[in-house]
Amino acid sequence: MRFRGKVSWWFYAIMIGVAGLQIPLIIVSAFIDPNVAALLMNLAIFVFMEVFCVSIAIHNFVELEEESLLIVFGFLWRRIPYSEITALTATNNPLSSLAASLDRIEIRCRNKASTMIAVMDKERFFHEMKKRMEHL
């Protein structure tokens, strides 16, 4: 079962804001200081940032597999066995995570750092996880 990742408006605002600032800087720097190496470096950083952010907006989901939870967040992914999960809690924690929304679910694991995700249908996610995690 797959749950679509939730992406908040502020994530899109960051993507557009970075493009809105970076594109004029690249254009102006090309005319003011035609240093090809610096121009290519700025362009490469811009393209990398935008591709990374767009991949998160498009390729963002959580899949409930037979034995584990698969989290896909752009080019990043993580698989967590259900047996390792000790708790699931709703949170608005703004720390870095595999979530593009502050409406998050914290997944606490045995002997590992917790992971935060954001899904569109949070209530259904909790319901389906309870079915798979009898130890909670």
C-alpha atoms as a PDB file:
ATOM      1  CA  MET A   1       0.000   0.000   0.000  1.00  0.00           C
ATOM      2  CA  ARG A   2       1.382   3.368  -1.018  1.00  0.00           C
ATOM      3  CA  PHE A   3       0.824   6.749   0.654  1.00  0.00           C
ATOM      4  CA  ARG A   4       1.601   9.915  -1.245  1.00  0.00           C
ATOM      5  CA  GLY A   5       3.971  12.298   0.507  1.00  0.00           C
ATOM      6  CA  LYS A   6       2.623  15.632   1.648  1.00  0.00           C
ATOM      7  CA  VAL A   7       4.318  18.735   0.240  1.00  0.00           C
ATOM      8  CA  SER A   8       3.456  22.078   1.862  1.00  0.00           C
ATOM      9  CA  TRP A   9       3.208  25.448   0.150  1.00  0.00           C
ATOM     10  CA  TRP A  10       6.420  26.668   1.826  1.00  0.00           C
ATOM     11  CA  PHE A  11       8.440  23.953   0.078  1.00  0.00           C
ATOM     12  CA  TYR A  12       7.220  25.192  -3.320  1.00  0.00           C
ATOM     13  CA  ALA A  13       7.905  28.770  -2.183  1.00  0.00           C
ATOM     14  CA  ILE A  14      11.516  27.829  -1.420  1.00  0.00           C
ATOM     15  CA  MET A  15      11.913  26.225  -4.858  1.00  0.00           C
ATOM     16  CA  ILE A  16      10.498  29.288  -6.621  1.00  0.00           C
ATOM     17  CA  GLY A  17      12.380  31.695  -4.348  1.00  0.00           C
ATOM     18  CA  VAL A  18      15.725  30.030  -5.028  1.00  0.00           C
ATOM     19  CA  ALA A  19      15.062  30.173  -8.777  1.00  0.00           C
ATOM     20  CA  GLY A  20      13.842  33.768  -8.523  1.00  0.00           C
ATOM     21  CA  LEU A  21      17.053  34.826  -6.786  1.00  0.00           C
ATOM     22  CA  GLN A  22      19.577  32.589  -8.492  1.00  0.00           C
ATOM     23  CA  ILE A  23      18.590  33.118 -12.150  1.00  0.00           C
ATOM     24  CA  PRO A  24      19.029  36.928 -12.070  1.00  0.00           C
ATOM     25  CA  LEU A  25      22.327  36.520 -10.188  1.00  0.00           C
ATOM     26  CA  ILE A  26      23.617  34.125 -12.842  1.00  0.00           C
ATOM     27  CA  ILE A  27      22.548  36.439 -15.667  1.00  0.00           C
ATOM     28  CA  VAL A  28      23.989  39.575 -14.031  1.00  0.00           C
ATOM     29  CA  SER A  29      27.258  37.840 -13.115  1.00  0.00           C
ATOM     30  CA  ALA A  30      27.640  36.700 -16.735  1.00  0.00           C
ATOM     31  CA  PHE A  31      27.667  40.341 -17.871  1.00  0.00           C
ATOM     32  CA  ILE A  32      29.523  41.970 -14.967  1.00  0.00           C
ATOM     33  CA  ASP A  33      32.281  39.402 -14.453  1.00  0.00           C
ATOM     34  CA  PRO A  34      32.476  36.968 -17.357  1.00  0.00           C
ATOM     35  CA  ASN A  35      34.448  34.412 -15.325  1.00  0.00           C
ATOM     36  CA  VAL A  36      33.381  31.190 -17.021  1.00  0.00           C
ATOM     37  CA  ALA A  37      34.400  28.932 -14.116  1.00  0.00           C
ATOM     38  CA  ALA A  38      32.360  30.919 -11.576  1.00  0.00           C
ATOM     39  CA  LEU A  39      29.404  31.108 -13.944  1.00  0.00           C
ATOM     40  CA  LEU A  40      29.448  27.347 -14.553  1.00  0.00           C
ATOM     41  CA  MET A  41      29.772  26.670 -10.818  1.00  0.00           C
ATOM     42  CA  ASN A  42      26.768  28.900 -10.004  1.00  0.00           C
ATOM     43  CA  LEU A  43      24.769  27.299 -12.808  1.00  0.00           C
ATOM     44  CA  ALA A  44      25.659  23.770 -11.631  1.00  0.00           C
ATOM     45  CA  ILE A  45      24.649  24.584  -8.037  1.00  0.00           C
ATOM     46  CA  PHE A  46      21.365  26.074  -9.229  1.00  0.00           C
ATOM     47  CA  VAL A  47      20.529  23.092 -11.440  1.00  0.00           C
ATOM     48  CA  PHE A  48      21.440  20.605  -8.685  1.00  0.00           C
ATOM     49  CA  MET A  49      19.266  22.408  -6.109  1.00  0.00           C
ATOM     50  CA  GLU A  50      16.273  22.651  -8.422  1.00  0.00           C
ATOM     51  CA  VAL A  51      16.526  19.041  -9.642  1.00  0.00           C
ATOM     52  CA  PHE A  52      16.822  17.843  -6.041  1.00  0.00           C
ATOM     53  CA  CYS A  53      13.778  19.877  -4.917  1.00  0.00           C
ATOM     54  CA  VAL A  54      11.657  18.940  -7.948  1.00  0.00           C
ATOM     55  CA  SER A  55      12.481  15.268  -7.394  1.00  0.00           C
ATOM     56  CA  ILE A  56      11.196  15.591  -3.823  1.00  0.00           C
ATOM     57  CA  ALA A  57       7.969  17.243  -4.963  1.00  0.00           C
ATOM     58  CA  ILE A  58       7.338  14.564  -7.613  1.00  0.00           C
ATOM     59  CA  HIS A  59       8.869  11.365  -6.184  1.00  0.00           C
ATOM     60  CA  ASN A  60       7.703  11.449  -2.561  1.00  0.00           C
ATOM     61  CA  PHE A  61       5.856   8.498  -1.025  1.00  0.00           C
ATOM     62  CA  VAL A  62       5.770   5.911   1.757  1.00  0.00           C
ATOM     63  CA  GLU A  63       5.059   2.304   0.877  1.00  0.00           C
ATOM     64  CA  LEU A  64       3.939  -0.362   3.313  1.00  0.00           C
ATOM     65  CA  GLU A  65       5.707  -3.520   2.211  1.00  0.00           C
ATOM     66  CA  GLU A  66       5.366  -7.060   3.570  1.00  0.00           C
ATOM     67  CA  GLU A  67       8.079  -6.769   6.247  1.00  0.00           C
ATOM     68  CA  SER A  68       9.145  -3.124   6.173  1.00  0.00           C
ATOM     69  CA  LEU A  69       8.258   0.492   5.594  1.00  0.00           C
ATOM     70  CA  LEU A  70       9.839   2.041   2.475  1.00  0.00           C
ATOM     71  CA  ILE A  71      10.264   5.820   2.533  1.00  0.00           C
ATOM     72  CA  VAL A  72      11.098   7.484  -0.802  1.00  0.00           C
ATOM     73  CA  PHE A  73      11.945  11.197  -0.739  1.00  0.00           C
ATOM     74  CA  GLY A  74      13.260  12.344  -4.100  1.00  0.00           C
ATOM     75  CA  PHE A  75      16.599  10.641  -4.674  1.00  0.00           C
ATOM     76  CA  LEU A  76      16.748   9.535  -1.023  1.00  0.00           C
ATOM     77  CA  TRP A  77      15.158   6.402   0.367  1.00  0.00           C
ATOM     78  CA  ARG A  78      15.089   4.448   3.594  1.00  0.00           C
ATOM     79  CA  ARG A  79      13.677   1.045   4.495  1.00  0.00           C
ATOM     80  CA  ILE A  80      12.656   0.414   8.111  1.00  0.00           C
ATOM     81  CA  PRO A  81      11.631  -3.095   9.232  1.00  0.00           C
ATOM     82  CA  TYR A  82       8.370  -3.032  11.205  1.00  0.00           C
ATOM     83  CA  SER A  83      10.085  -4.976  13.987  1.00  0.00           C
ATOM     84  CA  GLU A  84      12.500  -2.042  14.542  1.00  0.00           C
ATOM     85  CA  ILE A  85       9.730   0.555  15.008  1.00  0.00           C
ATOM     86  CA  THR A  86       8.982   1.343  18.649  1.00  0.00           C
ATOM     87  CA  ALA A  87       6.545   4.262  18.288  1.00  0.00           C
ATOM     88  CA  LEU A  88       4.636   6.413  15.805  1.00  0.00           C
ATOM     89  CA  THR A  89       3.588   9.905  16.861  1.00  0.00           C
ATOM     90  CA  ALA A  90       2.151  12.958  15.145  1.00  0.00           C
ATOM     91  CA  THR A  91       4.491  15.951  15.346  1.00  0.00           C
ATOM     92  CA  ASN A  92       5.215  19.401  13.946  1.00  0.00           C
ATOM     93  CA  ASN A  93       8.937  19.180  14.714  1.00  0.00           C
ATOM     94  CA  PRO A  94      10.842  21.343  12.171  1.00  0.00           C
ATOM     95  CA  LEU A  95      14.105  19.367  12.367  1.00  0.00           C
ATOM     96  CA  SER A  96      15.580  18.010   9.154  1.00  0.00           C
ATOM     97  CA  SER A  97      13.740  14.939   7.958  1.00  0.00           C
ATOM     98  CA  LEU A  98      12.308  13.051   5.007  1.00  0.00           C
ATOM     99  CA  ALA A  99       9.290  15.371   4.950  1.00  0.00           C
ATOM    100  CA  ALA A 100       8.362  18.455   2.913  1.00  0.00           C
ATOM    101  CA  SER A 101       5.614  19.464   5.340  1.00  0.00           C
ATOM    102  CA  LEU A 102       5.503  20.268   9.047  1.00  0.00           C
ATOM    103  CA  ASP A 103       2.436  18.009   9.448  1.00  0.00           C
ATOM    104  CA  ARG A 104       4.645  15.027  10.236  1.00  0.00           C
ATOM    105  CA  ILE A 105       4.766  11.572  11.711  1.00  0.00           C
ATOM    106  CA  GLU A 106       7.771  10.682  13.831  1.00  0.00           C
ATOM    107  CA  ILE A 107       8.925   7.089  13.525  1.00  0.00           C
ATOM    108  CA  ARG A 108      11.028   6.017  16.501  1.00  0.00           C
ATOM    109  CA  CYS A 109      13.222   2.977  16.026  1.00  0.00           C
ATOM    110  CA  ARG A 110      15.233   0.713  18.304  1.00  0.00           C
ATOM    111  CA  ASN A 111      18.860   1.818  18.665  1.00  0.00           C
ATOM    112  CA  LYS A 112      18.560   4.297  15.772  1.00  0.00           C
ATOM    113  CA  ALA A 113      17.695   7.924  15.284  1.00  0.00           C
ATOM    114  CA  SER A 114      14.045   8.677  14.659  1.00  0.00           C
ATOM    115  CA  THR A 115      12.771   9.558  11.179  1.00  0.00           C
ATOM    116  CA  MET A 116      10.002  12.002  10.318  1.00  0.00           C
ATOM    117  CA  ILE A 117       7.724  11.675   7.305  1.00  0.00           C
ATOM    118  CA  ALA A 118       4.668  13.517   5.978  1.00  0.00           C
ATOM    119  CA  VAL A 119       1.847  11.732   4.178  1.00  0.00           C
ATOM    120  CA  MET A 120      -1.362  13.039   2.659  1.00  0.00           C
ATOM    121  CA  ASP A 121      -3.670  10.639   4.543  1.00  0.00           C
ATOM    122  CA  LYS A 122      -2.160  10.527   8.009  1.00  0.00           C
ATOM    123  CA  GLU A 123      -5.119   8.840   9.750  1.00  0.00           C
ATOM    124  CA  ARG A 124      -5.246   5.998   7.229  1.00  0.00           C
ATOM    125  CA  PHE A 125      -1.468   5.602   7.523  1.00  0.00           C
ATOM    126  CA  PHE A 126      -1.737   5.179  11.315  1.00  0.00           C
ATOM    127  CA  HIS A 127      -4.583   2.678  10.851  1.00  0.00           C
ATOM    128  CA  GLU A 128      -2.645   0.577   8.318  1.00  0.00           C
ATOM    129  CA  MET A 129       0.542   0.660  10.395  1.00  0.00           C
ATOM    130  CA  LYS A 130      -1.331  -0.659  13.467  1.00  0.00           C
ATOM    131  CA  LYS A 131      -2.377  -3.670  11.405  1.00  0.00           C
ATOM    132  CA  ARG A 132       1.249  -4.421  10.539  1.00  0.00           C
ATOM    133  CA  MET A 133       2.763  -3.693  13.921  1.00  0.00           C
ATOM    134  CA  GLU A 134       1.220  -5.934  16.519  1.00  0.00           C
ATOM    135  CA  HIS A 135       4.077  -5.225  18.937  1.00  0.00           C
ATOM    136  CA  LEU A 136       2.995  -1.597  19.512  1.00  0.00           C
END
